[in-house]
Amino acid sequence: MEVSITQFRREIFSLVNQALDGAEVWVSHKGKRFRIAAENQPTSRLSRITPLAILNPEAPALNDPDLKADQMAEMEKAWESDWSAL
């Protein structure tokens, strides 16, 4: 795609996003052409997302034996009630 410098100024963010997505964007100004391209071509827009580490200090430790025993007892109680309903 080739656009004039005026159109580039109007649509700079859209054109840059297209270049980031892998499209070739050419800008012409005073008889010269400039190519806009990402330095490292990502495979998708999702690959540019930086993961965010989320910590919940109130969350119980999943390896806690007491928690596992409580969860197992709760599941067994649900299973028994399901089986007794049959």
N, C-alpha and C. Protein backbone atom coordinates (compact mmCIF):
# COMPACT_ATOMS: atom_id res chain seq x y z
N MET A 1 0.85 -1.15 0.00
CA MET A 1 0.00 0.00 0.00
C MET A 1 0.91 1.23 0.00
N GLU A 2 0.55 2.21 -0.81
CA GLU A 2 1.31 3.45 -0.87
C GLU A 2 0.38 4.61 -0.57
N VAL A 3 0.82 5.49 0.32
CA VAL A 3 0.01 6.65 0.71
C VAL A 3 0.87 7.91 0.62
N SER A 4 0.19 9.04 0.51
CA SER A 4 0.92 10.32 0.51
C SER A 4 1.26 10.68 1.95
N ILE A 5 2.14 11.64 2.11
CA ILE A 5 2.55 12.06 3.46
C ILE A 5 1.37 12.66 4.22
N THR A 6 0.47 13.33 3.50
CA THR A 6 -0.71 13.92 4.14
C THR A 6 -1.63 12.83 4.68
N GLN A 7 -1.86 11.81 3.87
CA GLN A 7 -2.69 10.70 4.32
C GLN A 7 -2.00 9.96 5.46
N PHE A 8 -0.69 9.85 5.41
CA PHE A 8 0.06 9.20 6.48
C PHE A 8 -0.13 9.94 7.79
N ARG A 9 -0.10 11.29 7.74
CA ARG A 9 -0.29 12.09 8.95
C ARG A 9 -1.69 11.88 9.53
N ARG A 10 -2.69 11.77 8.66
CA ARG A 10 -4.06 11.59 9.12
C ARG A 10 -4.28 10.21 9.73
N GLU A 11 -3.64 9.19 9.17
CA GLU A 11 -3.92 7.81 9.57
C GLU A 11 -2.69 7.12 10.15
N ILE A 12 -1.83 7.86 10.84
CA ILE A 12 -0.55 7.32 11.27
C ILE A 12 -0.71 6.05 12.12
N PHE A 13 -1.63 6.07 13.08
CA PHE A 13 -1.76 4.92 13.98
C PHE A 13 -2.28 3.69 13.23
N SER A 14 -3.25 3.89 12.38
CA SER A 14 -3.80 2.78 11.60
C SER A 14 -2.74 2.19 10.68
N LEU A 15 -1.97 3.04 10.01
CA LEU A 15 -0.94 2.56 9.08
C LEU A 15 0.20 1.85 9.81
N VAL A 16 0.57 2.37 10.95
CA VAL A 16 1.63 1.72 11.73
C VAL A 16 1.16 0.36 12.23
N ASN A 17 -0.10 0.26 12.66
CA ASN A 17 -0.63 -1.04 13.08
C ASN A 17 -0.65 -2.02 11.92
N GLN A 18 -0.98 -1.54 10.72
CA GLN A 18 -0.95 -2.41 9.55
C GLN A 18 0.46 -2.91 9.28
N ALA A 19 1.44 -2.01 9.43
CA ALA A 19 2.84 -2.41 9.24
C ALA A 19 3.26 -3.44 10.30
N LEU A 20 2.80 -3.26 11.52
CA LEU A 20 3.11 -4.22 12.58
C LEU A 20 2.48 -5.58 12.29
N ASP A 21 1.34 -5.58 11.60
CA ASP A 21 0.68 -6.83 11.24
C ASP A 21 1.30 -7.49 10.02
N GLY A 22 2.32 -6.85 9.43
CA GLY A 22 3.04 -7.48 8.32
C GLY A 22 2.77 -6.88 6.96
N ALA A 23 1.85 -5.90 6.86
CA ALA A 23 1.56 -5.28 5.57
C ALA A 23 2.70 -4.33 5.19
N GLU A 24 2.95 -4.19 3.90
CA GLU A 24 3.95 -3.22 3.42
C GLU A 24 3.28 -1.87 3.29
N VAL A 25 3.82 -0.88 3.96
CA VAL A 25 3.28 0.48 3.90
C VAL A 25 4.37 1.38 3.34
N TRP A 26 4.06 2.04 2.21
CA TRP A 26 4.99 2.97 1.59
C TRP A 26 4.42 4.37 1.69
N VAL A 27 5.29 5.34 2.04
CA VAL A 27 4.89 6.74 2.13
C VAL A 27 5.68 7.50 1.08
N SER A 28 4.96 8.28 0.27
CA SER A 28 5.65 9.09 -0.75
C SER A 28 5.64 10.55 -0.34
N HIS A 29 6.81 11.19 -0.51
CA HIS A 29 6.96 12.61 -0.15
C HIS A 29 8.02 13.22 -1.05
N LYS A 30 7.63 14.25 -1.78
CA LYS A 30 8.54 14.98 -2.69
C LYS A 30 9.26 14.03 -3.65
N GLY A 31 8.52 13.08 -4.20
CA GLY A 31 9.08 12.18 -5.18
C GLY A 31 9.92 11.04 -4.61
N LYS A 32 10.03 10.96 -3.32
CA LYS A 32 10.78 9.88 -2.67
C LYS A 32 9.80 8.95 -1.97
N ARG A 33 10.16 7.69 -1.88
CA ARG A 33 9.33 6.69 -1.21
C ARG A 33 10.05 6.17 0.04
N PHE A 34 9.27 6.01 1.10
CA PHE A 34 9.79 5.48 2.35
C PHE A 34 8.95 4.27 2.74
N ARG A 35 9.61 3.26 3.20
CA ARG A 35 8.91 2.04 3.59
C ARG A 35 8.82 1.98 5.11
N ILE A 36 7.62 1.71 5.61
CA ILE A 36 7.39 1.56 7.04
C ILE A 36 7.26 0.05 7.31
N ALA A 37 8.10 -0.46 8.18
CA ALA A 37 8.06 -1.88 8.51
C ALA A 37 8.51 -2.07 9.95
N ALA A 38 7.99 -3.10 10.58
CA ALA A 38 8.40 -3.42 11.94
C ALA A 38 9.82 -3.97 11.92
N GLU A 39 10.60 -3.65 12.94
CA GLU A 39 11.98 -4.14 13.02
C GLU A 39 12.02 -5.66 13.07
N ASN A 40 11.25 -6.24 13.99
CA ASN A 40 11.13 -7.69 14.09
C ASN A 40 9.68 -8.03 13.83
N GLN A 41 9.42 -8.73 12.75
CA GLN A 41 8.05 -9.05 12.38
C GLN A 41 7.46 -10.08 13.35
N PRO A 42 6.49 -9.69 14.18
CA PRO A 42 5.84 -10.67 15.05
C PRO A 42 4.86 -11.52 14.23
N THR A 43 4.52 -12.68 14.76
CA THR A 43 3.60 -13.55 14.04
C THR A 43 2.16 -13.05 14.17
N SER A 44 1.83 -12.40 15.28
CA SER A 44 0.48 -11.88 15.44
C SER A 44 0.50 -10.75 16.45
N ARG A 45 -0.62 -10.06 16.55
CA ARG A 45 -0.71 -8.98 17.53
C ARG A 45 -0.67 -9.54 18.95
N LEU A 46 -1.18 -10.75 19.13
CA LEU A 46 -1.16 -11.36 20.46
C LEU A 46 0.26 -11.65 20.94
N SER A 47 1.17 -11.88 20.00
CA SER A 47 2.54 -12.19 20.40
C SER A 47 3.25 -10.97 20.98
N ARG A 48 2.68 -9.79 20.78
CA ARG A 48 3.29 -8.56 21.31
C ARG A 48 2.82 -8.23 22.73
N ILE A 49 1.88 -9.00 23.24
CA ILE A 49 1.35 -8.74 24.57
C ILE A 49 2.34 -9.21 25.63
N THR A 50 2.59 -8.36 26.60
CA THR A 50 3.47 -8.70 27.70
C THR A 50 2.64 -9.34 28.81
N PRO A 51 2.98 -10.55 29.23
CA PRO A 51 2.19 -11.20 30.29
C PRO A 51 2.33 -10.45 31.61
N LEU A 52 1.24 -10.43 32.35
CA LEU A 52 1.21 -9.75 33.63
C LEU A 52 1.09 -10.79 34.74
N ALA A 53 2.01 -10.75 35.67
CA ALA A 53 1.97 -11.69 36.79
C ALA A 53 0.99 -11.17 37.83
N ILE A 54 -0.01 -11.98 38.15
CA ILE A 54 -1.02 -11.58 39.13
C ILE A 54 -0.88 -12.48 40.35
N LEU A 55 -0.74 -11.86 41.48
CA LEU A 55 -0.58 -12.59 42.73
C LEU A 55 -1.74 -12.25 43.65
N ASN A 56 -2.31 -13.26 44.27
CA ASN A 56 -3.37 -13.06 45.24
C ASN A 56 -2.83 -13.51 46.60
N PRO A 57 -2.49 -12.57 47.47
CA PRO A 57 -1.91 -12.97 48.76
C PRO A 57 -2.89 -13.74 49.64
N GLU A 58 -4.21 -13.62 49.37
CA GLU A 58 -5.18 -14.31 50.20
C GLU A 58 -5.50 -15.71 49.69
N ALA A 59 -4.97 -16.08 48.55
CA ALA A 59 -5.24 -17.40 47.98
C ALA A 59 -4.52 -18.47 48.80
N PRO A 60 -5.19 -19.59 49.06
CA PRO A 60 -4.53 -20.65 49.83
C PRO A 60 -3.48 -21.36 48.99
N ALA A 61 -2.52 -21.94 49.67
CA ALA A 61 -1.49 -22.72 48.97
C ALA A 61 -2.13 -24.00 48.46
N LEU A 62 -1.99 -24.26 47.17
CA LEU A 62 -2.64 -25.42 46.56
C LEU A 62 -2.00 -26.73 46.98
N ASN A 63 -0.79 -26.70 47.50
CA ASN A 63 -0.12 -27.92 47.94
C ASN A 63 -0.34 -28.20 49.41
N ASP A 64 -1.20 -27.43 50.07
CA ASP A 64 -1.48 -27.61 51.49
C ASP A 64 -2.26 -28.92 51.69
N PRO A 65 -1.72 -29.87 52.47
CA PRO A 65 -2.39 -31.17 52.66
C PRO A 65 -3.77 -31.03 53.29
N ASP A 66 -3.95 -30.06 54.20
CA ASP A 66 -5.26 -29.87 54.84
C ASP A 66 -6.29 -29.41 53.81
N LEU A 67 -5.88 -28.54 52.92
CA LEU A 67 -6.78 -28.05 51.87
C LEU A 67 -7.17 -29.19 50.94
N LYS A 68 -6.19 -30.01 50.58
CA LYS A 68 -6.47 -31.16 49.70
C LYS A 68 -7.44 -32.12 50.37
N ALA A 69 -7.26 -32.37 51.66
CA ALA A 69 -8.15 -33.28 52.39
C ALA A 69 -9.57 -32.71 52.44
N ASP A 70 -9.68 -31.41 52.69
CA ASP A 70 -11.00 -30.76 52.73
C ASP A 70 -11.68 -30.83 51.37
N GLN A 71 -10.92 -30.58 50.30
CA GLN A 71 -11.50 -30.63 48.96
C GLN A 71 -11.92 -32.05 48.61
N MET A 72 -11.13 -33.03 48.96
CA MET A 72 -11.47 -34.43 48.67
C MET A 72 -12.72 -34.84 49.45
N ALA A 73 -12.83 -34.43 50.71
CA ALA A 73 -14.01 -34.76 51.51
C ALA A 73 -15.25 -34.12 50.90
N GLU A 74 -15.13 -32.89 50.44
CA GLU A 74 -16.25 -32.21 49.80
C GLU A 74 -16.67 -32.91 48.51
N MET A 75 -15.70 -33.33 47.71
CA MET A 75 -16.01 -34.04 46.46
C MET A 75 -16.66 -35.39 46.75
N GLU A 76 -16.16 -36.12 47.76
CA GLU A 76 -16.73 -37.41 48.10
C GLU A 76 -18.18 -37.26 48.58
N LYS A 77 -18.44 -36.21 49.35
CA LYS A 77 -19.80 -35.95 49.81
C LYS A 77 -20.73 -35.70 48.63
N ALA A 78 -20.25 -34.91 47.64
CA ALA A 78 -21.05 -34.64 46.43
C ALA A 78 -21.28 -35.92 45.64
N TRP A 79 -20.25 -36.77 45.53
CA TRP A 79 -20.38 -38.02 44.79
C TRP A 79 -21.41 -38.93 45.48
N GLU A 80 -21.31 -39.03 46.80
CA GLU A 80 -22.24 -39.89 47.54
C GLU A 80 -23.68 -39.42 47.38
N SER A 81 -23.89 -38.11 47.41
CA SER A 81 -25.25 -37.61 47.24
C SER A 81 -25.75 -37.86 45.82
N ASP A 82 -24.86 -37.76 44.83
CA ASP A 82 -25.24 -38.07 43.44
C ASP A 82 -25.60 -39.55 43.29
N TRP A 83 -24.80 -40.44 43.92
CA TRP A 83 -25.03 -41.87 43.78
C TRP A 83 -26.29 -42.30 44.56
N SER A 84 -26.55 -41.67 45.69
CA SER A 84 -27.72 -42.03 46.48
C SER A 84 -29.01 -41.56 45.81
N ALA A 85 -28.91 -40.54 44.95
CA ALA A 85 -30.08 -40.06 44.21
C ALA A 85 -30.49 -41.02 43.14
N LEU A 86 -29.60 -41.93 42.71
CA LEU A 86 -29.93 -42.88 41.67
C LEU A 86 -30.71 -43.98 42.25
